[in-house]
């Protein structure tokens, strides 16, 4: 299951494997700088030093800083969408055994379905905070920069729409009364939990609070007309 997005690489295209590998090396270095210093830390010289390549290599593949920033965000978005793709597949699992019965009927007969989904969401967000912290830090950095950078704002919007579409598919599957609106709400709640999780030490992360927050949000959604 692949996600399609209009967030595309803009730098110089390469046809040789070695050249593409070096280009990727430069973008990965730029992404590490974003995690440490924010998007404003991306400079040709700093990225070349981080990637351990000649300065001329960064200017060869990327005509200016904006193009380098754009493609660094595209690399981040590509990786993030893969994680979300796996997450959505995990959400499908508890629903796959309900053949011949609607999700609404399943809730009426068993109050456990929402709990299972909330538990899967909790596992996902805790894994993101504890095991993919750098990716979340990069996301926060790009989000802030998008406020100031109109072009990055546009790329960010396309990325967000791809996330919403993926979760909308899940909401349709579980017969949400308003799939797209509910998908947007869930993503906003997950982003808030991730942000707050970055502000505390790992041992202070309260999984029970995260679970109860997500369960309450899901319960409110499916109790609405």
N, C-alpha and C. Protein backbone atom coordinates (compact mmCIF):
# COMPACT_ATOMS: atom_id res chain seq x y z
N UNK A 1 0.86 -1.19 0.00
CA UNK A 1 0.00 0.00 0.00
C UNK A 1 0.89 1.23 0.00
N UNK A 2 0.84 1.97 -1.06
CA UNK A 2 1.70 3.14 -1.18
C UNK A 2 0.89 4.42 -1.10
N UNK A 3 1.57 5.48 -0.63
CA UNK A 3 0.94 6.79 -0.58
C UNK A 3 1.46 7.63 -1.72
N UNK A 4 0.56 8.26 -2.44
CA UNK A 4 0.95 9.17 -3.50
C UNK A 4 0.87 10.59 -2.99
N UNK A 5 1.83 11.41 -3.32
CA UNK A 5 1.84 12.80 -2.90
C UNK A 5 2.47 13.66 -3.97
N UNK A 6 2.07 14.92 -4.01
CA UNK A 6 2.64 15.86 -4.97
C UNK A 6 3.91 16.52 -4.44
N UNK A 7 4.38 16.08 -3.27
CA UNK A 7 5.64 16.60 -2.75
C UNK A 7 6.75 15.89 -3.51
N UNK A 8 7.39 16.59 -4.44
CA UNK A 8 8.38 15.99 -5.32
C UNK A 8 9.75 16.64 -5.11
N UNK A 9 10.81 15.86 -5.39
CA UNK A 9 12.16 16.41 -5.35
C UNK A 9 12.33 17.41 -6.48
N UNK A 10 13.05 18.49 -6.19
CA UNK A 10 13.19 19.57 -7.16
C UNK A 10 14.63 19.78 -7.63
N UNK A 11 15.57 19.21 -6.91
CA UNK A 11 16.98 19.42 -7.26
C UNK A 11 17.36 18.72 -8.55
N UNK A 12 18.64 18.83 -8.90
CA UNK A 12 19.14 18.24 -10.15
C UNK A 12 18.89 16.74 -10.17
N UNK A 13 18.30 16.25 -11.25
CA UNK A 13 18.03 14.82 -11.39
C UNK A 13 19.31 14.09 -11.76
N UNK A 14 19.42 12.87 -11.29
CA UNK A 14 20.62 12.07 -11.57
C UNK A 14 20.21 10.76 -12.22
N UNK A 15 21.10 10.23 -13.05
CA UNK A 15 20.83 8.96 -13.72
C UNK A 15 21.78 7.87 -13.25
N UNK A 16 22.90 8.26 -12.66
CA UNK A 16 23.88 7.28 -12.19
C UNK A 16 23.64 6.97 -10.73
N UNK A 17 23.82 5.68 -10.37
CA UNK A 17 23.57 5.24 -8.99
C UNK A 17 24.47 5.96 -8.01
N UNK A 18 25.72 6.16 -8.40
CA UNK A 18 26.67 6.83 -7.50
C UNK A 18 26.27 8.27 -7.23
N UNK A 19 25.81 8.95 -8.25
CA UNK A 19 25.39 10.34 -8.10
C UNK A 19 24.14 10.44 -7.22
N UNK A 20 23.21 9.53 -7.44
CA UNK A 20 21.99 9.53 -6.63
C UNK A 20 22.30 9.23 -5.17
N UNK A 21 23.27 8.34 -4.95
CA UNK A 21 23.67 8.01 -3.58
C UNK A 21 24.27 9.24 -2.89
N UNK A 22 25.10 10.01 -3.61
CA UNK A 22 25.68 11.21 -3.02
C UNK A 22 24.61 12.26 -2.74
N UNK A 23 23.67 12.41 -3.66
CA UNK A 23 22.57 13.36 -3.47
C UNK A 23 21.77 13.00 -2.22
N UNK A 24 21.50 11.72 -2.06
CA UNK A 24 20.76 11.25 -0.89
C UNK A 24 21.58 11.49 0.39
N UNK A 25 22.86 11.29 0.30
CA UNK A 25 23.76 11.52 1.44
C UNK A 25 23.68 12.98 1.89
N UNK A 26 23.65 13.88 0.93
CA UNK A 26 23.55 15.32 1.23
C UNK A 26 22.23 15.64 1.92
N UNK A 27 21.14 15.08 1.43
CA UNK A 27 19.83 15.35 2.02
C UNK A 27 19.71 14.77 3.43
N UNK A 28 20.27 13.61 3.64
CA UNK A 28 20.25 13.01 4.98
C UNK A 28 21.06 13.85 5.96
N UNK A 29 22.16 14.41 5.47
CA UNK A 29 22.96 15.30 6.31
C UNK A 29 22.19 16.56 6.64
N UNK A 30 21.50 17.11 5.65
CA UNK A 30 20.69 18.32 5.88
C UNK A 30 19.59 18.05 6.90
N UNK A 31 19.00 16.86 6.84
CA UNK A 31 17.93 16.51 7.77
C UNK A 31 18.48 16.40 9.19
N UNK A 32 19.68 15.90 9.35
CA UNK A 32 20.31 15.84 10.68
C UNK A 32 20.54 17.25 11.23
N UNK A 33 20.90 18.16 10.35
CA UNK A 33 21.09 19.55 10.78
C UNK A 33 19.77 20.16 11.22
N UNK A 34 18.69 19.85 10.51
CA UNK A 34 17.36 20.35 10.90
C UNK A 34 17.02 19.90 12.31
N UNK A 35 17.32 18.65 12.62
CA UNK A 35 17.03 18.10 13.96
C UNK A 35 17.83 18.84 15.03
N UNK A 36 19.08 19.15 14.73
CA UNK A 36 19.96 19.79 15.72
C UNK A 36 19.74 21.29 15.83
N UNK A 37 19.53 21.95 14.67
CA UNK A 37 19.57 23.42 14.64
C UNK A 37 18.33 24.08 14.06
N UNK A 38 17.42 23.28 13.51
CA UNK A 38 16.28 23.86 12.82
C UNK A 38 16.58 24.07 11.36
N UNK A 39 15.56 24.46 10.60
CA UNK A 39 15.69 24.62 9.16
C UNK A 39 16.69 25.72 8.81
N UNK A 40 16.75 26.76 9.65
CA UNK A 40 17.68 27.87 9.36
C UNK A 40 19.14 27.45 9.44
N UNK A 41 19.40 26.26 9.99
CA UNK A 41 20.76 25.75 10.04
C UNK A 41 21.26 25.19 8.73
N UNK A 42 20.35 25.02 7.76
CA UNK A 42 20.74 24.49 6.45
C UNK A 42 21.47 25.56 5.66
N UNK A 43 22.74 25.34 5.44
CA UNK A 43 23.59 26.18 4.60
C UNK A 43 24.48 25.25 3.78
N UNK A 44 24.82 25.65 2.57
CA UNK A 44 25.62 24.78 1.69
C UNK A 44 26.88 24.29 2.39
N UNK A 45 27.59 25.21 3.02
CA UNK A 45 28.85 24.83 3.65
C UNK A 45 28.63 23.88 4.83
N UNK A 46 27.61 24.16 5.65
CA UNK A 46 27.33 23.32 6.81
C UNK A 46 26.89 21.92 6.38
N UNK A 47 26.07 21.86 5.35
CA UNK A 47 25.59 20.56 4.87
C UNK A 47 26.73 19.76 4.25
N UNK A 48 27.59 20.43 3.48
CA UNK A 48 28.73 19.74 2.87
C UNK A 48 29.65 19.16 3.96
N UNK A 49 29.86 19.91 5.02
CA UNK A 49 30.70 19.43 6.13
C UNK A 49 30.04 18.24 6.81
N UNK A 50 28.74 18.33 7.06
CA UNK A 50 28.00 17.25 7.72
C UNK A 50 28.01 15.98 6.87
N UNK A 51 27.87 16.15 5.54
CA UNK A 51 27.82 15.01 4.64
C UNK A 51 29.21 14.51 4.25
N UNK A 52 30.23 15.30 4.61
CA UNK A 52 31.63 14.97 4.27
C UNK A 52 31.80 14.86 2.76
N UNK A 53 31.27 15.88 2.07
CA UNK A 53 31.42 15.97 0.61
C UNK A 53 31.98 17.36 0.28
N UNK A 54 32.56 17.54 -0.90
CA UNK A 54 33.03 18.88 -1.28
C UNK A 54 31.88 19.88 -1.34
N UNK A 55 32.17 21.13 -1.05
CA UNK A 55 31.14 22.18 -1.11
C UNK A 55 30.51 22.23 -2.50
N UNK A 56 31.31 22.00 -3.52
CA UNK A 56 30.79 22.05 -4.89
C UNK A 56 29.69 21.03 -5.14
N UNK A 57 29.69 19.95 -4.36
CA UNK A 57 28.68 18.90 -4.56
C UNK A 57 27.29 19.41 -4.19
N UNK A 58 27.19 20.18 -3.12
CA UNK A 58 25.87 20.67 -2.70
C UNK A 58 25.33 21.69 -3.70
N UNK A 59 26.20 22.53 -4.22
CA UNK A 59 25.75 23.53 -5.20
C UNK A 59 25.49 22.91 -6.57
N UNK A 60 26.07 21.75 -6.83
CA UNK A 60 25.82 21.05 -8.08
C UNK A 60 24.41 20.46 -8.09
N UNK A 61 24.04 19.82 -7.00
CA UNK A 61 22.73 19.17 -6.93
C UNK A 61 21.58 20.13 -6.62
N UNK A 62 21.92 21.24 -5.92
CA UNK A 62 20.87 22.16 -5.48
C UNK A 62 21.30 23.58 -5.81
N UNK A 63 20.53 24.24 -6.67
CA UNK A 63 20.95 25.54 -7.20
C UNK A 63 20.96 26.64 -6.14
N UNK A 64 20.13 26.48 -5.10
CA UNK A 64 20.11 27.48 -4.03
C UNK A 64 19.63 26.83 -2.73
N UNK A 65 19.65 27.59 -1.66
CA UNK A 65 19.27 27.07 -0.34
C UNK A 65 17.81 26.63 -0.33
N UNK A 66 16.94 27.40 -0.99
CA UNK A 66 15.52 27.03 -0.99
C UNK A 66 15.29 25.66 -1.59
N UNK A 67 15.99 25.36 -2.67
CA UNK A 67 15.85 24.06 -3.30
C UNK A 67 16.36 22.96 -2.38
N UNK A 68 17.44 23.23 -1.67
CA UNK A 68 17.98 22.27 -0.72
C UNK A 68 17.01 22.05 0.44
N UNK A 69 16.40 23.12 0.93
CA UNK A 69 15.41 23.01 2.01
C UNK A 69 14.19 22.22 1.52
N UNK A 70 13.71 22.55 0.32
CA UNK A 70 12.55 21.85 -0.23
C UNK A 70 12.79 20.34 -0.31
N UNK A 71 13.96 19.95 -0.83
CA UNK A 71 14.23 18.53 -1.01
C UNK A 71 14.50 17.83 0.32
N UNK A 72 15.03 18.58 1.29
CA UNK A 72 15.20 18.00 2.62
C UNK A 72 13.84 17.72 3.24
N UNK A 73 12.89 18.65 3.06
CA UNK A 73 11.54 18.41 3.55
C UNK A 73 10.91 17.23 2.81
N UNK A 74 11.15 17.12 1.51
CA UNK A 74 10.59 16.02 0.73
C UNK A 74 11.10 14.68 1.24
N UNK A 75 12.39 14.61 1.59
CA UNK A 75 12.94 13.39 2.18
C UNK A 75 12.24 13.07 3.49
N UNK A 76 12.06 14.10 4.34
CA UNK A 76 11.35 13.90 5.61
C UNK A 76 9.93 13.39 5.34
N UNK A 77 9.21 14.05 4.41
CA UNK A 77 7.82 13.68 4.12
C UNK A 77 7.73 12.25 3.60
N UNK A 78 8.68 11.87 2.78
CA UNK A 78 8.72 10.52 2.23
C UNK A 78 8.84 9.49 3.35
N UNK A 79 9.75 9.75 4.28
CA UNK A 79 9.95 8.84 5.41
C UNK A 79 8.75 8.82 6.34
N UNK A 80 8.18 10.00 6.59
CA UNK A 80 7.03 10.11 7.50
C UNK A 80 5.81 9.40 6.92
N UNK A 81 5.59 9.51 5.62
CA UNK A 81 4.45 8.87 4.99
C UNK A 81 4.56 7.35 5.04
N UNK A 82 5.78 6.84 4.96
CA UNK A 82 5.98 5.40 5.08
C UNK A 82 5.58 4.92 6.47
N UNK A 83 5.93 5.70 7.50
CA UNK A 83 5.57 5.36 8.88
C UNK A 83 4.05 5.38 9.04
N UNK A 84 3.41 6.41 8.48
CA UNK A 84 1.95 6.52 8.57
C UNK A 84 1.29 5.38 7.81
N UNK A 85 1.88 4.97 6.71
CA UNK A 85 1.35 3.85 5.95
C UNK A 85 1.33 2.58 6.80
N UNK A 86 2.41 2.33 7.51
CA UNK A 86 2.48 1.17 8.40
C UNK A 86 1.47 1.30 9.54
N UNK A 87 1.33 2.51 10.05
CA UNK A 87 0.38 2.77 11.13
C UNK A 87 -1.05 2.47 10.67
N UNK A 88 -1.40 2.92 9.47
CA UNK A 88 -2.76 2.69 8.98
C UNK A 88 -3.02 1.21 8.78
N UNK A 89 -2.01 0.46 8.36
CA UNK A 89 -2.16 -0.98 8.20
C UNK A 89 -2.41 -1.64 9.55
N UNK A 90 -1.76 -1.12 10.60
CA UNK A 90 -1.99 -1.65 11.94
C UNK A 90 -3.41 -1.36 12.40
N UNK A 91 -3.96 -0.23 12.00
CA UNK A 91 -5.33 0.09 12.37
C UNK A 91 -6.34 -0.82 11.66
N UNK A 92 -5.99 -1.29 10.46
CA UNK A 92 -6.90 -2.16 9.73
C UNK A 92 -7.03 -3.54 10.42
N UNK A 93 -5.96 -3.96 11.11
CA UNK A 93 -5.93 -5.31 11.65
C UNK A 93 -7.10 -5.65 12.56
N UNK A 94 -7.43 -4.79 13.56
CA UNK A 94 -8.54 -5.16 14.44
C UNK A 94 -9.90 -5.13 13.76
N UNK A 95 -9.95 -4.58 12.55
CA UNK A 95 -11.23 -4.49 11.84
C UNK A 95 -11.42 -5.63 10.85
N UNK A 96 -10.35 -6.36 10.58
CA UNK A 96 -10.40 -7.37 9.52
C UNK A 96 -11.24 -8.59 9.88
N UNK A 97 -11.51 -8.77 11.17
CA UNK A 97 -12.28 -9.95 11.58
C UNK A 97 -13.76 -9.70 11.67
N UNK A 98 -14.23 -8.51 11.28
CA UNK A 98 -15.65 -8.18 11.45
C UNK A 98 -16.47 -8.36 10.20
N UNK A 99 -16.20 -9.37 9.41
CA UNK A 99 -16.94 -9.59 8.17
C UNK A 99 -18.40 -9.90 8.47
N UNK A 100 -19.29 -9.31 7.68
CA UNK A 100 -20.70 -9.55 7.87
C UNK A 100 -21.32 -8.72 8.98
N UNK A 101 -20.54 -7.84 9.58
CA UNK A 101 -21.04 -7.02 10.68
C UNK A 101 -20.48 -5.62 10.53
N UNK A 102 -21.33 -4.62 10.60
CA UNK A 102 -20.85 -3.25 10.48
C UNK A 102 -20.10 -2.85 11.73
N UNK A 103 -19.27 -1.82 11.60
CA UNK A 103 -18.52 -1.34 12.76
C UNK A 103 -19.46 -0.83 13.84
N UNK A 104 -20.54 -0.15 13.43
CA UNK A 104 -21.50 0.36 14.39
C UNK A 104 -22.13 -0.78 15.17
N UNK A 105 -22.47 -1.89 14.47
CA UNK A 105 -23.03 -3.06 15.13
C UNK A 105 -22.01 -3.69 16.07
N UNK A 106 -20.76 -3.66 15.65
CA UNK A 106 -19.71 -4.23 16.50
C UNK A 106 -19.59 -3.45 17.79
N UNK A 107 -19.72 -2.12 17.71
CA UNK A 107 -19.66 -1.30 18.92
C UNK A 107 -20.84 -1.61 19.83
N UNK A 108 -22.03 -1.78 19.22
CA UNK A 108 -23.22 -2.05 20.01
C UNK A 108 -23.11 -3.38 20.76
N UNK A 109 -22.47 -4.36 20.11
CA UNK A 109 -22.36 -5.69 20.71
C UNK A 109 -21.11 -5.87 21.55
N UNK A 110 -20.12 -5.03 21.32
CA UNK A 110 -18.88 -5.16 22.08
C UNK A 110 -18.24 -3.79 22.21
N UNK A 111 -18.06 -3.36 23.43
CA UNK A 111 -17.48 -2.05 23.66
C UNK A 111 -15.95 -2.08 23.50
N UNK A 112 -15.43 -3.22 23.06
CA UNK A 112 -13.98 -3.34 23.00
C UNK A 112 -13.34 -2.79 21.74
N UNK A 113 -14.12 -2.56 20.67
CA UNK A 113 -13.51 -2.15 19.40
C UNK A 113 -12.82 -0.80 19.50
N UNK A 114 -13.49 0.19 20.10
CA UNK A 114 -12.87 1.51 20.23
C UNK A 114 -11.63 1.43 21.11
N UNK A 115 -11.69 0.57 22.12
CA UNK A 115 -10.53 0.40 23.00
C UNK A 115 -9.34 -0.17 22.24
N UNK A 116 -9.63 -1.12 21.33
CA UNK A 116 -8.55 -1.71 20.53
C UNK A 116 -7.91 -0.67 19.63
N UNK A 117 -8.74 0.16 18.98
CA UNK A 117 -8.22 1.20 18.09
C UNK A 117 -7.44 2.24 18.89
N UNK A 118 -7.98 2.65 20.05
CA UNK A 118 -7.28 3.61 20.89
C UNK A 118 -5.95 3.04 21.37
N UNK A 119 -5.92 1.74 21.67
CA UNK A 119 -4.69 1.10 22.12
C UNK A 119 -3.65 1.08 21.00
N UNK A 120 -4.08 0.77 19.76
CA UNK A 120 -3.15 0.78 18.63
C UNK A 120 -2.60 2.18 18.37
N UNK A 121 -3.48 3.19 18.48
CA UNK A 121 -3.03 4.57 18.30
C UNK A 121 -2.04 4.96 19.39
N UNK A 122 -2.31 4.51 20.61
CA UNK A 122 -1.40 4.82 21.72
C UNK A 122 -0.04 4.20 21.48
N UNK A 123 -0.02 2.94 21.06
CA UNK A 123 1.25 2.28 20.77
C UNK A 123 2.02 3.03 19.69
N UNK A 124 1.30 3.47 18.67
CA UNK A 124 1.94 4.21 17.58
C UNK A 124 2.57 5.50 18.08
N UNK A 125 1.80 6.31 18.79
CA UNK A 125 2.31 7.62 19.20
C UNK A 125 3.44 7.49 20.22
N UNK A 126 3.37 6.48 21.08
CA UNK A 126 4.46 6.25 22.05
C UNK A 126 5.73 5.83 21.31
N UNK A 127 5.59 4.97 20.31
CA UNK A 127 6.75 4.57 19.50
C UNK A 127 7.36 5.78 18.79
N UNK A 128 6.51 6.66 18.28
CA UNK A 128 7.01 7.85 17.61
C UNK A 128 7.83 8.70 18.56
N UNK A 129 7.31 8.91 19.76
CA UNK A 129 7.98 9.78 20.73
C UNK A 129 9.27 9.17 21.24
N UNK A 130 9.25 7.87 21.51
CA UNK A 130 10.41 7.22 22.12
C UNK A 130 11.44 6.73 21.12
N UNK A 131 10.98 6.25 19.95
CA UNK A 131 11.89 5.61 19.01
C UNK A 131 12.16 6.45 17.75
N UNK A 132 11.32 7.42 17.48
CA UNK A 132 11.49 8.25 16.28
C UNK A 132 11.49 9.73 16.66
N UNK A 133 12.13 10.03 17.76
CA UNK A 133 12.14 11.40 18.28
C UNK A 133 12.70 12.39 17.27
N UNK A 134 13.78 12.02 16.60
CA UNK A 134 14.41 12.94 15.66
C UNK A 134 13.46 13.32 14.52
N UNK A 135 12.66 12.37 14.07
CA UNK A 135 11.70 12.66 13.01
C UNK A 135 10.65 13.65 13.49
N UNK A 136 10.21 13.50 14.74
CA UNK A 136 9.22 14.44 15.30
C UNK A 136 9.82 15.83 15.48
N UNK A 137 11.09 15.89 15.89
CA UNK A 137 11.76 17.18 16.05
C UNK A 137 11.86 17.87 14.68
N UNK A 138 12.22 17.09 13.65
CA UNK A 138 12.29 17.65 12.29
C UNK A 138 10.93 18.17 11.86
N UNK A 139 9.87 17.43 12.18
CA UNK A 139 8.52 17.86 11.81
C UNK A 139 8.17 19.20 12.45
N UNK A 140 8.51 19.35 13.74
CA UNK A 140 8.24 20.61 14.42
C UNK A 140 9.03 21.76 13.79
N UNK A 141 10.27 21.48 13.42
CA UNK A 141 11.11 22.51 12.80
C UNK A 141 10.54 22.95 11.46
N UNK A 142 10.12 21.98 10.64
CA UNK A 142 9.53 22.31 9.34
C UNK A 142 8.20 23.04 9.50
N UNK A 143 7.44 22.65 10.51
CA UNK A 143 6.14 23.28 10.74
C UNK A 143 6.32 24.76 11.08
N UNK A 144 7.30 25.04 11.92
CA UNK A 144 7.56 26.44 12.29
C UNK A 144 8.06 27.22 11.07
N UNK A 145 8.97 26.64 10.32
CA UNK A 145 9.52 27.32 9.15
C UNK A 145 8.44 27.60 8.12
N UNK A 146 7.45 26.71 8.03
CA UNK A 146 6.37 26.90 7.05
C UNK A 146 5.56 28.16 7.33
N UNK A 147 5.54 28.60 8.59
CA UNK A 147 4.85 29.84 8.94
C UNK A 147 5.52 31.02 8.24
N UNK A 148 6.84 30.95 8.10
CA UNK A 148 7.62 32.04 7.54
C UNK A 148 7.91 31.88 6.05
N UNK A 149 7.82 30.64 5.56
CA UNK A 149 8.24 30.32 4.20
C UNK A 149 7.04 29.85 3.38
N UNK A 150 6.51 30.70 2.49
CA UNK A 150 5.31 30.34 1.71
C UNK A 150 5.46 29.07 0.89
N UNK A 151 6.66 28.85 0.30
CA UNK A 151 6.83 27.67 -0.53
C UNK A 151 6.82 26.41 0.32
N UNK A 152 7.48 26.45 1.46
CA UNK A 152 7.48 25.29 2.35
C UNK A 152 6.07 25.06 2.91
N UNK A 153 5.33 26.16 3.09
CA UNK A 153 3.95 26.05 3.56
C UNK A 153 3.12 25.24 2.57
N UNK A 154 3.33 25.49 1.29
CA UNK A 154 2.60 24.76 0.25
C UNK A 154 2.95 23.28 0.27
N UNK A 155 4.22 22.97 0.40
CA UNK A 155 4.65 21.58 0.46
C UNK A 155 4.08 20.91 1.71
N UNK A 156 4.06 21.64 2.83
CA UNK A 156 3.53 21.11 4.07
C UNK A 156 2.05 20.79 3.96
N UNK A 157 1.33 21.64 3.24
CA UNK A 157 -0.11 21.43 3.05
C UNK A 157 -0.36 20.15 2.25
N UNK A 158 0.43 19.94 1.20
CA UNK A 158 0.27 18.74 0.39
C UNK A 158 0.55 17.50 1.23
N UNK A 159 1.60 17.57 2.05
CA UNK A 159 1.95 16.46 2.94
C UNK A 159 0.82 16.17 3.92
N UNK A 160 0.26 17.23 4.50
CA UNK A 160 -0.83 17.06 5.47
C UNK A 160 -2.04 16.43 4.81
N UNK A 161 -2.36 16.84 3.59
CA UNK A 161 -3.51 16.27 2.89
C UNK A 161 -3.32 14.78 2.62
N UNK A 162 -2.08 14.38 2.36
CA UNK A 162 -1.80 12.95 2.16
C UNK A 162 -2.06 12.17 3.44
N UNK A 163 -1.68 12.75 4.58
CA UNK A 163 -1.94 12.10 5.87
C UNK A 163 -3.43 12.00 6.14
N UNK A 164 -4.15 13.09 5.88
CA UNK A 164 -5.60 13.12 6.12
C UNK A 164 -6.29 12.08 5.23
N UNK A 165 -5.87 11.98 3.97
CA UNK A 165 -6.49 11.02 3.07
C UNK A 165 -6.29 9.60 3.56
N UNK A 166 -5.10 9.29 4.05
CA UNK A 166 -4.82 7.94 4.54
C UNK A 166 -5.71 7.62 5.74
N UNK A 167 -5.83 8.53 6.68
CA UNK A 167 -6.65 8.28 7.86
C UNK A 167 -8.15 8.34 7.52
N UNK A 168 -8.51 9.12 6.50
CA UNK A 168 -9.90 9.15 6.05
C UNK A 168 -10.32 7.78 5.54
N UNK A 169 -9.41 7.09 4.86
CA UNK A 169 -9.70 5.74 4.39
C UNK A 169 -10.04 4.83 5.57
N UNK A 170 -9.27 4.98 6.66
CA UNK A 170 -9.53 4.18 7.85
C UNK A 170 -10.88 4.55 8.46
N UNK A 171 -11.17 5.86 8.53
CA UNK A 171 -12.42 6.32 9.10
C UNK A 171 -13.63 5.84 8.29
N UNK A 172 -13.46 5.78 6.98
CA UNK A 172 -14.51 5.22 6.14
C UNK A 172 -14.74 3.75 6.45
N UNK A 173 -13.65 3.04 6.65
CA UNK A 173 -13.74 1.62 6.95
C UNK A 173 -14.50 1.36 8.24
N UNK A 174 -14.29 2.20 9.24
CA UNK A 174 -14.96 2.00 10.52
C UNK A 174 -16.27 2.78 10.60
N UNK A 175 -16.72 3.24 9.44
CA UNK A 175 -18.03 3.89 9.29
C UNK A 175 -18.18 5.12 10.19
N UNK A 176 -17.18 5.97 10.14
CA UNK A 176 -17.27 7.25 10.83
C UNK A 176 -18.40 8.07 10.22
N UNK A 177 -19.16 8.80 11.05
CA UNK A 177 -20.22 9.64 10.51
C UNK A 177 -19.70 10.76 9.61
N UNK A 178 -18.48 11.26 9.90
CA UNK A 178 -17.86 12.31 9.09
C UNK A 178 -16.38 11.97 8.90
N UNK A 179 -16.06 11.09 7.98
CA UNK A 179 -14.72 10.52 7.85
C UNK A 179 -13.59 11.54 7.75
N UNK A 180 -13.72 12.52 6.83
CA UNK A 180 -12.62 13.47 6.62
C UNK A 180 -12.46 14.39 7.82
N UNK A 181 -13.56 14.87 8.37
CA UNK A 181 -13.49 15.74 9.54
C UNK A 181 -12.90 15.00 10.73
N UNK A 182 -13.32 13.74 10.92
CA UNK A 182 -12.80 12.96 12.03
C UNK A 182 -11.31 12.65 11.84
N UNK A 183 -10.90 12.40 10.59
CA UNK A 183 -9.48 12.15 10.31
C UNK A 183 -8.65 13.37 10.68
N UNK A 184 -9.13 14.56 10.32
CA UNK A 184 -8.41 15.80 10.65
C UNK A 184 -8.30 15.98 12.17
N UNK A 185 -9.37 15.66 12.88
CA UNK A 185 -9.36 15.80 14.34
C UNK A 185 -8.37 14.83 14.97
N UNK A 186 -8.39 13.58 14.51
CA UNK A 186 -7.48 12.58 15.07
C UNK A 186 -6.03 12.97 14.83
N UNK A 187 -5.74 13.45 13.62
CA UNK A 187 -4.36 13.87 13.31
C UNK A 187 -3.95 15.04 14.20
N UNK A 188 -4.85 15.98 14.41
CA UNK A 188 -4.54 17.12 15.28
C UNK A 188 -4.27 16.66 16.71
N UNK A 189 -5.07 15.71 17.19
CA UNK A 189 -4.87 15.18 18.55
C UNK A 189 -3.53 14.46 18.64
N UNK A 190 -3.22 13.64 17.64
CA UNK A 190 -1.95 12.92 17.64
C UNK A 190 -0.77 13.88 17.61
N UNK A 191 -0.86 14.95 16.80
CA UNK A 191 0.21 15.94 16.73
C UNK A 191 0.40 16.64 18.07
N UNK A 192 -0.71 16.94 18.75
CA UNK A 192 -0.60 17.59 20.05
C UNK A 192 0.07 16.66 21.07
N UNK A 193 -0.31 15.39 21.05
CA UNK A 193 0.28 14.42 21.97
C UNK A 193 1.77 14.27 21.69
N UNK A 194 2.14 14.22 20.40
CA UNK A 194 3.55 14.09 20.03
C UNK A 194 4.34 15.30 20.50
N UNK A 195 3.79 16.50 20.29
CA UNK A 195 4.47 17.73 20.71
C UNK A 195 4.68 17.74 22.22
N UNK A 196 3.64 17.42 22.97
CA UNK A 196 3.76 17.40 24.42
C UNK A 196 4.72 16.32 24.88
N UNK A 197 4.76 15.21 24.13
CA UNK A 197 5.70 14.13 24.47
C UNK A 197 7.15 14.53 24.29
N UNK A 198 7.41 15.44 23.36
CA UNK A 198 8.79 15.91 23.15
C UNK A 198 9.25 16.83 24.28
N UNK A 199 8.31 17.36 25.05
CA UNK A 199 8.64 18.31 26.10
C UNK A 199 8.94 17.66 27.44
N UNK A 200 8.78 16.34 27.52
CA UNK A 200 9.03 15.64 28.79
C UNK A 200 10.11 14.58 28.58
N UNK A 201 10.68 14.14 29.70
CA UNK A 201 11.65 13.05 29.64
C UNK A 201 10.92 11.75 29.32
N UNK A 202 11.59 10.81 28.65
CA UNK A 202 10.92 9.55 28.27
C UNK A 202 10.22 8.85 29.42
N UNK A 203 10.86 8.86 30.60
CA UNK A 203 10.26 8.17 31.74
C UNK A 203 9.02 8.88 32.28
N UNK A 204 8.83 10.15 31.87
CA UNK A 204 7.67 10.91 32.32
C UNK A 204 6.47 10.76 31.39
N UNK A 205 6.66 10.08 30.28
CA UNK A 205 5.57 9.90 29.32
C UNK A 205 4.49 9.02 29.93
N UNK A 206 3.27 9.53 29.99
CA UNK A 206 2.16 8.83 30.64
C UNK A 206 1.28 8.15 29.58
N UNK A 207 1.49 6.86 29.39
CA UNK A 207 0.76 6.12 28.37
C UNK A 207 -0.73 6.04 28.69
N UNK A 208 -1.05 5.97 29.99
CA UNK A 208 -2.46 5.86 30.38
C UNK A 208 -3.24 7.12 30.00
N UNK A 209 -2.59 8.28 30.19
CA UNK A 209 -3.24 9.55 29.83
C UNK A 209 -3.42 9.63 28.31
N UNK A 210 -2.41 9.20 27.57
CA UNK A 210 -2.50 9.21 26.11
C UNK A 210 -3.66 8.31 25.65
N UNK A 211 -3.73 7.12 26.22
CA UNK A 211 -4.78 6.17 25.86
C UNK A 211 -6.16 6.73 26.18
N UNK A 212 -6.33 7.28 27.38
CA UNK A 212 -7.64 7.79 27.77
C UNK A 212 -8.05 8.99 26.92
N UNK A 213 -7.07 9.81 26.52
CA UNK A 213 -7.35 10.95 25.65
C UNK A 213 -7.87 10.49 24.29
N UNK A 214 -7.18 9.51 23.71
CA UNK A 214 -7.58 9.01 22.39
C UNK A 214 -8.92 8.26 22.46
N UNK A 215 -9.11 7.49 23.52
CA UNK A 215 -10.37 6.76 23.66
C UNK A 215 -11.54 7.72 23.81
N UNK A 216 -11.34 8.77 24.58
CA UNK A 216 -12.42 9.75 24.75
C UNK A 216 -12.74 10.43 23.42
N UNK A 217 -11.71 10.79 22.66
CA UNK A 217 -11.94 11.45 21.38
C UNK A 217 -12.71 10.53 20.42
N UNK A 218 -12.31 9.27 20.35
CA UNK A 218 -13.01 8.32 19.50
C UNK A 218 -14.45 8.10 19.97
N UNK A 219 -14.64 8.02 21.27
CA UNK A 219 -15.98 7.81 21.81
C UNK A 219 -16.90 8.97 21.48
N UNK A 220 -16.35 10.19 21.57
CA UNK A 220 -17.15 11.37 21.22
C UNK A 220 -17.55 11.36 19.75
N UNK A 221 -16.61 10.94 18.90
CA UNK A 221 -16.90 10.89 17.47
C UNK A 221 -18.05 9.95 17.16
N UNK A 222 -17.99 8.76 17.76
CA UNK A 222 -18.96 7.74 17.39
C UNK A 222 -20.24 7.78 18.22
N UNK A 223 -20.30 8.70 19.16
CA UNK A 223 -21.56 8.90 19.89
C UNK A 223 -22.37 10.03 19.25
N UNK A 224 -21.70 10.79 18.32
CA UNK A 224 -22.39 11.90 17.65
C UNK A 224 -23.30 11.37 16.56
N UNK A 225 -24.33 12.14 16.30
CA UNK A 225 -25.26 11.76 15.22
C UNK A 225 -24.61 12.05 13.88
